[in-house]
Each structure stands twice: as C-alpha cells, then as structure tokens.
Amino acid sequence: MRNSKVQFIVHAAMIAAIYVVLTYFISAFNLASGAIQVRISEALTILPYFTPAAIPGLFVGCLLANLLTGAAIYDVIFGSLATLLGAVGTYLLRKHKFLCTLAPVVSNIIIIPLVLRYGYGLTMEYGGRDWSIPFYMLTVGAGEIICCCVLGTILLNALAKVRNVIFKKED
C-alpha cells in the first residue's frame, strides 16, 4: 500500500518535471505561449490514459512552467486549470484511444483564448469588431491539435508498447 502511494507521487513528479523541461525548451523558440502556441509539452496530456498520477503531474508541471516562463497570473491560474481539465478528460475517456486526445484540445480552446484576450489584453480587430476570441480559438486550437492529437497520438502509441514496464504497479 505504501509503495503504491510513493510510486504515484514519483510518477506525478517525473511527469511534472518533464512538462516543465519541454515547455522551457520550446519557450526558447517563442512557441510556449502567446496567440500562436505549439507547446509540445501538451503532448503529455495523453499520459492519464496510462496512469492517474499524470493528472496532478500535468497540473503541477503546467503551473510551474507558466510561473518559470513569466506568464501573467491569469495564465498561471487558468492555463494550469485548462491543462488539469484536459488531463481529467483524458483519464475519463481512456477507454477511447482517439477521443482521449481531444479533451485537452477542447479545454484549451475554451479557456486560453479568454486568457489571451482578457488576461493579456490582446485584441484582434477587423471591420470595427473585436475578433480576438474566435481568432485565438483557431490559433490555440491548431497548436493543441498538433501537440495533443498528432504528437500525443504518436506518444500514446509508442508508450502503449512499453506500458507494462513504465507504468507497472508496485505493491
């Protein structure tokens, strides 16, 4: 019983650390935040398919990554919550291999455009109207599809072959 709790914490901590490192790496190319984001660490949101320890790991990883990359407080809070909701959705949809990649996409498409518009004050005006939310839904959604659906599916298929080694339960 005690070993499984330790293993859960270790898995969560490792996932958080990997998320932070990947986000920090991609932020060097200005792709981890902003209107157009391809945060490759979001591919890790498929990990709840394998282990529930990924849920707190992804949340803490995103929270730390947002803090370390200098995100606004609204982004730290709501961006991390978007990743948490996506991870929970992945876990709940784990019986459906393709659908589980969509939960993080949906949560980020809904939450992050609001953060960009109201947290950062980024606007996109055309024809006298503010098109920020639809525009950011499109750009954030495209980045999330690349990271979660494409890269995440590749990762999911690669890890499925070694799942009993990496995610083996100790008693």
C-alpha atoms as a PDB file:
ATOM      1  CA  MET A   1       0.000   0.000   0.000  1.00  0.00           C
ATOM      2  CA  ARG A   2       2.709   2.476   0.969  1.00  0.00           C
ATOM      3  CA  ASN A   3       4.819   1.630  -2.096  1.00  0.00           C
ATOM      4  CA  SER A   4       1.909   2.406  -4.422  1.00  0.00           C
ATOM      5  CA  LYS A   5       1.490   5.868  -2.838  1.00  0.00           C
ATOM      6  CA  VAL A   6       5.198   6.563  -3.232  1.00  0.00           C
ATOM      7  CA  GLN A   7       5.081   5.321  -6.809  1.00  0.00           C
ATOM      8  CA  PHE A   8       2.091   7.594  -7.531  1.00  0.00           C
ATOM      9  CA  ILE A   9       3.968  10.625  -6.170  1.00  0.00           C
ATOM     10  CA  VAL A  10       7.146   9.733  -8.067  1.00  0.00           C
ATOM     11  CA  HIS A  11       5.234   9.290 -11.348  1.00  0.00           C
ATOM     12  CA  ALA A  12       3.441  12.614 -10.832  1.00  0.00           C
ATOM     13  CA  ALA A  13       6.711  14.400 -10.010  1.00  0.00           C
ATOM     14  CA  MET A  14       8.501  12.932 -13.037  1.00  0.00           C
ATOM     15  CA  ILE A  15       5.664  13.956 -15.349  1.00  0.00           C
ATOM     16  CA  ALA A  16       5.658  17.473 -13.863  1.00  0.00           C
ATOM     17  CA  ALA A  17       9.410  17.757 -14.368  1.00  0.00           C
ATOM     18  CA  ILE A  18       9.239  16.564 -17.974  1.00  0.00           C
ATOM     19  CA  TYR A  19       6.394  19.018 -18.688  1.00  0.00           C
ATOM     20  CA  VAL A  20       8.442  21.906 -17.268  1.00  0.00           C
ATOM     21  CA  VAL A  21      11.583  20.970 -19.220  1.00  0.00           C
ATOM     22  CA  LEU A  22       9.695  20.601 -22.516  1.00  0.00           C
ATOM     23  CA  THR A  23       7.867  23.899 -22.002  1.00  0.00           C
ATOM     24  CA  TYR A  24      11.030  25.710 -21.042  1.00  0.00           C
ATOM     25  CA  PHE A  25      12.798  24.294 -24.111  1.00  0.00           C
ATOM     26  CA  ILE A  26      10.055  25.282 -26.573  1.00  0.00           C
ATOM     27  CA  SER A  27       9.726  28.743 -24.980  1.00  0.00           C
ATOM     28  CA  ALA A  28      13.239  29.466 -26.276  1.00  0.00           C
ATOM     29  CA  PHE A  29      11.611  29.475 -29.727  1.00  0.00           C
ATOM     30  CA  ASN A  30       8.665  31.649 -28.531  1.00  0.00           C
ATOM     31  CA  LEU A  31       6.199  28.811 -29.095  1.00  0.00           C
ATOM     32  CA  ALA A  32       5.141  28.047 -25.500  1.00  0.00           C
ATOM     33  CA  SER A  33       2.765  30.990 -25.089  1.00  0.00           C
ATOM     34  CA  GLY A  34       1.049  33.784 -26.938  1.00  0.00           C
ATOM     35  CA  ALA A  35      -1.540  33.885 -29.687  1.00  0.00           C
ATOM     36  CA  ILE A  36       0.160  31.115 -31.659  1.00  0.00           C
ATOM     37  CA  GLN A  37       1.309  28.311 -29.377  1.00  0.00           C
ATOM     38  CA  VAL A  38       2.771  24.928 -30.097  1.00  0.00           C
ATOM     39  CA  ARG A  39       3.580  23.824 -26.566  1.00  0.00           C
ATOM     40  CA  ILE A  40       4.965  20.349 -27.220  1.00  0.00           C
ATOM     41  CA  SER A  41       4.661  19.520 -23.521  1.00  0.00           C
ATOM     42  CA  GLU A  42       0.887  19.362 -24.108  1.00  0.00           C
ATOM     43  CA  ALA A  43       1.518  16.034 -25.867  1.00  0.00           C
ATOM     44  CA  LEU A  44       1.979  14.669 -22.340  1.00  0.00           C
ATOM     45  CA  THR A  45      -1.732  15.211 -21.688  1.00  0.00           C
ATOM     46  CA  ILE A  46      -2.265  11.689 -23.054  1.00  0.00           C
ATOM     47  CA  LEU A  47      -0.473  10.240 -20.011  1.00  0.00           C
ATOM     48  CA  PRO A  48      -3.657   9.929 -17.902  1.00  0.00           C
ATOM     49  CA  TYR A  49      -4.571   7.229 -20.445  1.00  0.00           C
ATOM     50  CA  PHE A  50      -1.890   5.155 -18.686  1.00  0.00           C
ATOM     51  CA  THR A  51      -1.835   6.423 -15.102  1.00  0.00           C
ATOM     52  CA  PRO A  52      -3.975   8.697 -12.919  1.00  0.00           C
ATOM     53  CA  ALA A  53      -0.715  10.060 -11.444  1.00  0.00           C
ATOM     54  CA  ALA A  54      -0.410  12.090 -14.636  1.00  0.00           C
ATOM     55  CA  ILE A  55      -3.346  14.294 -13.613  1.00  0.00           C
ATOM     56  CA  PRO A  56      -1.623  16.066 -10.694  1.00  0.00           C
ATOM     57  CA  GLY A  57       1.713  15.775 -12.518  1.00  0.00           C
ATOM     58  CA  LEU A  58       0.443  17.678 -15.542  1.00  0.00           C
ATOM     59  CA  PHE A  59      -1.280  20.297 -13.394  1.00  0.00           C
ATOM     60  CA  VAL A  60       1.815  20.969 -11.276  1.00  0.00           C
ATOM     61  CA  GLY A  61       4.047  20.858 -14.357  1.00  0.00           C
ATOM     62  CA  CYS A  62       1.921  23.410 -16.189  1.00  0.00           C
ATOM     63  CA  LEU A  63       1.694  25.608 -13.105  1.00  0.00           C
ATOM     64  CA  LEU A  64       5.479  25.588 -12.656  1.00  0.00           C
ATOM     65  CA  ALA A  65       6.138  26.039 -16.374  1.00  0.00           C
ATOM     66  CA  ASN A  66       3.819  29.050 -16.504  1.00  0.00           C
ATOM     67  CA  LEU A  67       5.494  30.572 -13.462  1.00  0.00           C
ATOM     68  CA  LEU A  68       9.014  29.941 -14.787  1.00  0.00           C
ATOM     69  CA  THR A  69       8.294  31.337 -18.254  1.00  0.00           C
ATOM     70  CA  GLY A  70       6.897  34.569 -16.818  1.00  0.00           C
ATOM     71  CA  ALA A  71       3.224  34.090 -17.635  1.00  0.00           C
ATOM     72  CA  ALA A  72       0.651  36.544 -16.314  1.00  0.00           C
ATOM     73  CA  ILE A  73      -1.147  35.464 -13.135  1.00  0.00           C
ATOM     74  CA  TYR A  74      -4.363  34.787 -15.074  1.00  0.00           C
ATOM     75  CA  ASP A  75      -2.425  32.474 -17.370  1.00  0.00           C
ATOM     76  CA  VAL A  76      -0.757  30.720 -14.448  1.00  0.00           C
ATOM     77  CA  ILE A  77      -4.138  30.053 -12.840  1.00  0.00           C
ATOM     78  CA  PHE A  78      -6.458  29.459 -15.783  1.00  0.00           C
ATOM     79  CA  GLY A  79      -3.881  27.944 -18.135  1.00  0.00           C
ATOM     80  CA  SER A  80      -2.998  25.401 -15.461  1.00  0.00           C
ATOM     81  CA  LEU A  81      -6.693  24.709 -14.867  1.00  0.00           C
ATOM     82  CA  ALA A  82      -7.162  24.141 -18.611  1.00  0.00           C
ATOM     83  CA  THR A  83      -4.410  21.521 -18.524  1.00  0.00           C
ATOM     84  CA  LEU A  84      -5.940  19.968 -15.399  1.00  0.00           C
ATOM     85  CA  LEU A  85      -9.365  19.745 -17.052  1.00  0.00           C
ATOM     86  CA  GLY A  86      -7.788  18.281 -20.181  1.00  0.00           C
ATOM     87  CA  ALA A  87      -5.929  15.672 -18.116  1.00  0.00           C
ATOM     88  CA  VAL A  88      -9.086  14.694 -16.236  1.00  0.00           C
ATOM     89  CA  GLY A  89     -10.921  14.446 -19.564  1.00  0.00           C
ATOM     90  CA  THR A  90      -8.182  12.221 -20.961  1.00  0.00           C
ATOM     91  CA  TYR A  91      -8.476   9.966 -17.930  1.00  0.00           C
ATOM     92  CA  LEU A  92     -12.263   9.775 -18.227  1.00  0.00           C
ATOM     93  CA  LEU A  93     -12.010   8.973 -21.957  1.00  0.00           C
ATOM     94  CA  ARG A  94      -9.155   6.459 -21.584  1.00  0.00           C
ATOM     95  CA  LYS A  95     -11.269   3.634 -22.978  1.00  0.00           C
ATOM     96  CA  HIS A  96     -11.442   5.517 -26.291  1.00  0.00           C
ATOM     97  CA  LYS A  97      -7.921   5.785 -27.651  1.00  0.00           C
ATOM     98  CA  PHE A  98      -8.619   8.546 -30.188  1.00  0.00           C
ATOM     99  CA  LEU A  99     -11.147  10.553 -28.178  1.00  0.00           C
ATOM    100  CA  CYS A 100      -8.878  10.876 -25.150  1.00  0.00           C
ATOM    101  CA  THR A 101      -6.605  13.202 -27.139  1.00  0.00           C
ATOM    102  CA  LEU A 102      -9.463  15.650 -27.701  1.00  0.00           C
ATOM    103  CA  ALA A 103     -10.175  16.602 -24.060  1.00  0.00           C
ATOM    104  CA  PRO A 104      -7.089  18.836 -23.675  1.00  0.00           C
ATOM    105  CA  VAL A 105      -7.794  20.424 -27.063  1.00  0.00           C
ATOM    106  CA  VAL A 106     -11.339  21.353 -26.058  1.00  0.00           C
ATOM    107  CA  SER A 107     -10.403  22.683 -22.610  1.00  0.00           C
ATOM    108  CA  ASN A 108      -7.635  24.855 -24.066  1.00  0.00           C
ATOM    109  CA  ILE A 109      -9.774  26.100 -26.981  1.00  0.00           C
ATOM    110  CA  ILE A 110     -12.359  27.316 -24.478  1.00  0.00           C
ATOM    111  CA  ILE A 111     -10.127  28.737 -21.726  1.00  0.00           C
ATOM    112  CA  ILE A 112      -6.907  30.046 -23.305  1.00  0.00           C
ATOM    113  CA  PRO A 113      -8.500  32.494 -25.783  1.00  0.00           C
ATOM    114  CA  LEU A 114     -10.224  34.153 -22.823  1.00  0.00           C
ATOM    115  CA  VAL A 115      -6.874  34.373 -21.011  1.00  0.00           C
ATOM    116  CA  LEU A 116      -5.209  35.882 -24.073  1.00  0.00           C
ATOM    117  CA  ARG A 117      -7.993  38.413 -24.579  1.00  0.00           C
ATOM    118  CA  TYR A 118      -8.739  39.458 -21.017  1.00  0.00           C
ATOM    119  CA  GLY A 119      -5.618  38.381 -19.096  1.00  0.00           C
ATOM    120  CA  TYR A 120      -3.122  39.799 -21.576  1.00  0.00           C
ATOM    121  CA  GLY A 121      -5.408  42.324 -23.275  1.00  0.00           C
ATOM    122  CA  LEU A 122      -4.571  41.037 -26.758  1.00  0.00           C
ATOM    123  CA  THR A 123      -7.073  42.235 -29.334  1.00  0.00           C
ATOM    124  CA  MET A 124      -7.724  41.376 -32.942  1.00  0.00           C
ATOM    125  CA  GLU A 125      -9.920  43.986 -34.575  1.00  0.00           C
ATOM    126  CA  TYR A 126     -11.257  43.788 -38.091  1.00  0.00           C
ATOM    127  CA  GLY A 127     -14.057  45.819 -39.585  1.00  0.00           C
ATOM    128  CA  GLY A 128     -14.637  47.641 -36.332  1.00  0.00           C
ATOM    129  CA  ARG A 129     -15.282  44.401 -34.408  1.00  0.00           C
ATOM    130  CA  ASP A 130     -13.168  42.509 -31.918  1.00  0.00           C
ATOM    131  CA  TRP A 131     -12.439  39.058 -33.366  1.00  0.00           C
ATOM    132  CA  SER A 132      -9.965  38.111 -30.629  1.00  0.00           C
ATOM    133  CA  ILE A 133     -11.810  35.153 -29.143  1.00  0.00           C
ATOM    134  CA  PRO A 134     -12.593  33.361 -32.444  1.00  0.00           C
ATOM    135  CA  PHE A 135      -9.091  34.098 -33.771  1.00  0.00           C
ATOM    136  CA  TYR A 136      -7.388  32.770 -30.629  1.00  0.00           C
ATOM    137  CA  MET A 137      -9.702  29.762 -30.589  1.00  0.00           C
ATOM    138  CA  LEU A 138      -8.452  28.993 -34.083  1.00  0.00           C
ATOM    139  CA  THR A 139      -4.753  29.543 -33.363  1.00  0.00           C
ATOM    140  CA  VAL A 140      -4.700  27.875 -29.944  1.00  0.00           C
ATOM    141  CA  GLY A 141      -6.840  25.042 -31.323  1.00  0.00           C
ATOM    142  CA  ALA A 142      -4.435  24.459 -34.205  1.00  0.00           C
ATOM    143  CA  GLY A 143      -1.484  24.298 -31.813  1.00  0.00           C
ATOM    144  CA  GLU A 144      -3.344  21.959 -29.487  1.00  0.00           C
ATOM    145  CA  ILE A 145      -4.339  19.667 -32.350  1.00  0.00           C
ATOM    146  CA  ILE A 146      -0.692  19.486 -33.423  1.00  0.00           C
ATOM    147  CA  CYS A 147       0.513  18.801 -29.879  1.00  0.00           C
ATOM    148  CA  CYS A 148      -2.253  16.688 -28.365  1.00  0.00           C
ATOM    149  CA  CYS A 149      -3.788  14.891 -31.318  1.00  0.00           C
ATOM    150  CA  VAL A 150      -0.763  14.418 -33.559  1.00  0.00           C
ATOM    151  CA  LEU A 151       2.221  14.321 -31.186  1.00  0.00           C
ATOM    152  CA  GLY A 152       0.078  12.921 -28.366  1.00  0.00           C
ATOM    153  CA  THR A 153      -1.155  10.035 -30.517  1.00  0.00           C
ATOM    154  CA  ILE A 154       2.408   9.237 -31.575  1.00  0.00           C
ATOM    155  CA  LEU A 155       3.454   9.256 -27.910  1.00  0.00           C
ATOM    156  CA  LEU A 156       0.433   7.198 -26.893  1.00  0.00           C
ATOM    157  CA  ASN A 157       1.191   4.518 -29.484  1.00  0.00           C
ATOM    158  CA  ALA A 158       4.889   4.441 -28.554  1.00  0.00           C
ATOM    159  CA  LEU A 159       4.164   4.168 -24.824  1.00  0.00           C
ATOM    160  CA  ALA A 160       1.450   1.546 -25.329  1.00  0.00           C
ATOM    161  CA  LYS A 161       4.177  -0.897 -26.373  1.00  0.00           C
ATOM    162  CA  VAL A 162       6.057  -0.447 -23.094  1.00  0.00           C
ATOM    163  CA  ARG A 163       3.206   0.446 -20.745  1.00  0.00           C
ATOM    164  CA  ASN A 164       3.779  -2.588 -18.510  1.00  0.00           C
ATOM    165  CA  VAL A 165       7.392  -1.564 -17.985  1.00  0.00           C
ATOM    166  CA  ILE A 166       6.944   2.172 -17.436  1.00  0.00           C
ATOM    167  CA  PHE A 167       3.572   2.207 -15.676  1.00  0.00           C
ATOM    168  CA  LYS A 168       3.891  -1.100 -13.827  1.00  0.00           C
ATOM    169  CA  LYS A 169       2.132  -1.071 -10.475  1.00  0.00           C
ATOM    170  CA  GLU A 170       4.249  -1.986  -7.454  1.00  0.00           C
ATOM    171  CA  ASP A 171       2.637  -3.402  -4.329  1.00  0.00           C
END
